[in-house]
Each structure stands twice: as C-alpha cells, then as structure tokens.
N, C-alpha and C. Protein backbone atom coordinates (compact mmCIF):
# COMPACT_ATOMS: atom_id res chain seq x y z
N MET A 1 185.94 159.01 109.84
CA MET A 1 184.78 159.25 109.03
C MET A 1 185.16 159.38 107.56
N GLU A 2 186.06 158.56 107.13
CA GLU A 2 186.53 158.65 105.76
C GLU A 2 185.57 158.01 104.77
N ALA A 3 184.64 157.20 105.24
CA ALA A 3 183.72 156.54 104.32
C ALA A 3 182.82 157.56 103.64
N GLY A 4 182.49 158.65 104.30
CA GLY A 4 181.65 159.68 103.69
C GLY A 4 182.37 160.47 102.62
N LYS A 5 183.67 160.43 102.60
CA LYS A 5 184.45 161.20 101.63
C LYS A 5 184.72 160.42 100.34
N LYS A 6 184.48 159.11 100.36
CA LYS A 6 184.77 158.31 99.19
C LYS A 6 183.73 158.56 98.11
N PRO A 7 184.15 158.56 96.86
CA PRO A 7 183.20 158.81 95.78
C PRO A 7 182.27 157.61 95.56
N MET A 8 181.02 157.91 95.19
CA MET A 8 180.06 156.86 94.89
C MET A 8 179.90 156.79 93.38
N HIS A 9 179.91 155.57 92.86
CA HIS A 9 179.75 155.36 91.43
C HIS A 9 178.40 154.68 91.19
N GLU A 10 177.59 155.28 90.33
CA GLU A 10 176.28 154.71 90.01
C GLU A 10 176.36 154.04 88.65
N ILE A 11 176.01 152.77 88.63
CA ILE A 11 176.05 151.99 87.39
C ILE A 11 174.63 151.57 87.06
N LYS A 12 174.18 151.85 85.86
CA LYS A 12 172.84 151.49 85.44
C LYS A 12 172.84 150.08 84.87
N GLY A 13 171.69 149.43 84.95
CA GLY A 13 171.56 148.06 84.45
C GLY A 13 171.79 147.97 82.96
N ALA A 14 171.40 148.99 82.22
CA ALA A 14 171.60 148.98 80.77
C ALA A 14 173.09 148.99 80.43
N ASP A 15 173.91 149.62 81.27
CA ASP A 15 175.36 149.63 81.04
C ASP A 15 175.95 148.23 81.18
N LEU A 16 175.32 147.40 82.00
CA LEU A 16 175.80 146.03 82.21
C LEU A 16 175.12 145.02 81.28
N GLY A 17 174.15 145.49 80.51
CA GLY A 17 173.45 144.59 79.60
C GLY A 17 172.36 143.78 80.28
N ILE A 18 171.78 144.33 81.36
CA ILE A 18 170.74 143.63 82.10
C ILE A 18 169.40 144.28 81.79
N ASP A 19 168.42 143.44 81.42
CA ASP A 19 167.06 143.93 81.19
C ASP A 19 166.25 143.72 82.46
N PHE A 20 165.63 144.77 82.95
CA PHE A 20 164.83 144.68 84.16
C PHE A 20 163.35 144.56 83.80
N ILE A 21 162.99 143.41 83.28
CA ILE A 21 161.60 143.13 82.94
C ILE A 21 161.05 142.22 84.03
N PRO A 22 159.96 142.63 84.72
CA PRO A 22 159.43 141.80 85.79
C PRO A 22 158.85 140.49 85.25
N VAL A 23 159.20 139.39 85.88
CA VAL A 23 158.71 138.09 85.49
C VAL A 23 157.41 137.77 86.22
N ASN A 24 157.36 138.11 87.49
CA ASN A 24 156.18 137.86 88.32
C ASN A 24 155.57 139.18 88.73
N GLN A 25 154.27 139.15 88.94
CA GLN A 25 153.59 140.33 89.43
C GLN A 25 152.98 140.03 90.79
N ILE A 26 153.11 140.96 91.70
CA ILE A 26 152.54 140.80 93.04
C ILE A 26 151.11 141.34 92.99
N ARG A 27 150.16 140.48 93.34
CA ARG A 27 148.75 140.89 93.31
C ARG A 27 148.31 141.49 94.63
N ALA A 28 148.78 140.91 95.74
CA ALA A 28 148.39 141.42 97.05
C ALA A 28 149.39 140.95 98.09
N LEU A 29 149.56 141.76 99.11
CA LEU A 29 150.40 141.40 100.25
C LEU A 29 149.51 141.34 101.48
N LYS A 30 149.51 140.19 102.14
CA LYS A 30 148.70 140.03 103.34
C LYS A 30 149.60 139.52 104.46
N GLY A 31 149.47 140.11 105.60
CA GLY A 31 150.23 139.67 106.76
C GLY A 31 149.56 138.50 107.45
N PHE A 32 150.35 137.74 108.17
CA PHE A 32 149.84 136.60 108.92
C PHE A 32 149.35 137.09 110.27
N VAL A 33 148.11 136.77 110.59
CA VAL A 33 147.53 137.18 111.86
C VAL A 33 147.68 136.04 112.85
N MET A 34 148.34 136.32 113.98
CA MET A 34 148.53 135.30 114.99
C MET A 34 147.61 135.59 116.16
N ASN A 35 146.73 134.66 116.44
CA ASN A 35 145.83 134.80 117.56
C ASN A 35 146.37 134.01 118.74
N ARG A 36 146.47 134.67 119.86
CA ARG A 36 146.97 134.01 121.07
C ARG A 36 145.79 133.48 121.87
N LYS A 37 146.01 132.38 122.54
CA LYS A 37 144.97 131.75 123.33
C LYS A 37 144.89 132.31 124.74
N ASN A 38 145.98 132.88 125.25
CA ASN A 38 146.04 133.45 126.60
C ASN A 38 145.55 132.47 127.66
N ILE A 39 146.13 131.30 127.66
CA ILE A 39 145.78 130.27 128.63
C ILE A 39 146.53 130.54 129.93
N ILE A 40 145.80 130.60 131.03
CA ILE A 40 146.41 130.83 132.34
C ILE A 40 146.44 129.51 133.09
N LEU A 41 147.62 129.10 133.51
CA LEU A 41 147.78 127.85 134.24
C LEU A 41 147.55 128.10 135.73
N ASN A 42 146.99 127.13 136.38
CA ASN A 42 146.73 127.25 137.82
C ASN A 42 148.04 127.28 138.59
N GLN A 43 148.08 128.10 139.61
CA GLN A 43 149.26 128.19 140.46
C GLN A 43 149.27 126.98 141.39
N GLY A 44 150.24 126.16 141.24
CA GLY A 44 150.36 124.98 142.08
C GLY A 44 151.80 124.52 142.07
N SER A 45 151.98 123.22 142.21
CA SER A 45 153.34 122.71 142.16
C SER A 45 153.84 122.75 140.72
N ALA A 46 155.12 122.75 140.58
CA ALA A 46 155.72 122.83 139.25
C ALA A 46 155.34 121.63 138.40
N ALA A 47 155.26 120.45 139.01
CA ALA A 47 154.92 119.24 138.27
C ALA A 47 153.50 119.33 137.72
N ASP A 48 152.57 119.86 138.53
CA ASP A 48 151.19 120.01 138.07
C ASP A 48 151.09 121.03 136.94
N GLU A 49 151.85 122.11 137.03
CA GLU A 49 151.84 123.12 135.98
C GLU A 49 152.40 122.58 134.68
N VAL A 50 153.45 121.76 134.76
CA VAL A 50 154.03 121.16 133.56
C VAL A 50 153.04 120.22 132.91
N LYS A 51 152.32 119.42 133.71
CA LYS A 51 151.33 118.50 133.17
C LYS A 51 150.20 119.28 132.49
N GLU A 52 149.76 120.36 133.13
CA GLU A 52 148.68 121.17 132.56
C GLU A 52 149.12 121.85 131.26
N LEU A 53 150.37 122.34 131.22
CA LEU A 53 150.91 122.95 130.02
C LEU A 53 151.01 121.94 128.89
N ALA A 54 151.51 120.75 129.19
CA ALA A 54 151.62 119.71 128.17
C ALA A 54 150.25 119.32 127.63
N ALA A 55 149.24 119.23 128.51
CA ALA A 55 147.89 118.89 128.07
C ALA A 55 147.32 119.99 127.17
N ALA A 56 147.57 121.25 127.52
CA ALA A 56 147.08 122.36 126.69
C ALA A 56 147.75 122.37 125.32
N LEU A 57 149.05 122.08 125.28
CA LEU A 57 149.76 122.04 124.00
C LEU A 57 149.31 120.87 123.15
N ARG A 58 149.03 119.73 123.77
CA ARG A 58 148.52 118.57 123.02
C ARG A 58 147.14 118.89 122.43
N LYS A 59 146.31 119.59 123.22
CA LYS A 59 144.97 119.94 122.78
C LYS A 59 145.02 120.85 121.55
N GLU A 60 146.00 121.75 121.52
CA GLU A 60 146.16 122.67 120.38
C GLU A 60 146.88 122.02 119.21
N GLY A 61 147.43 120.83 119.40
CA GLY A 61 148.13 120.15 118.32
C GLY A 61 149.58 120.54 118.15
N VAL A 62 150.15 121.20 119.17
CA VAL A 62 151.55 121.60 119.11
C VAL A 62 152.44 120.42 119.41
N LEU A 63 152.03 119.59 120.37
CA LEU A 63 152.81 118.39 120.73
C LEU A 63 152.14 117.16 120.18
C-alpha cells in the first residue's frame, strides 16, 4: 500500500501557461431513448424461427 504514501503534486494551468477559456458551450444534454419491439417468435423448428427472425429484421430495416 505504498501508493497512498507517495506525495501528490498539484499543478495549476496558469503555472504551465494554459488558458482555460471554453470554446464551445453545452446547451443541453439529452439521452438516446431506445424502444424495444418485444417481438415473440413462434415456437417451432429452428429453421422456421430463423426465417421469421430474418423477416422481422428486414421489416425493421436492420437487414
């Protein structure tokens, strides 16, 4: 646990000659809302389920 014993040095931007003037301003933050379709595939053979899944993905424009 020697990392906690090491001294920490704080350097300010003015000491390095850096001006912290914001160039851009953030007006708003909005999260992306993801809506799920909750499509339930019929229980059948695997080949039929794959065909139904592919058709559903084509309908949504994924494939």
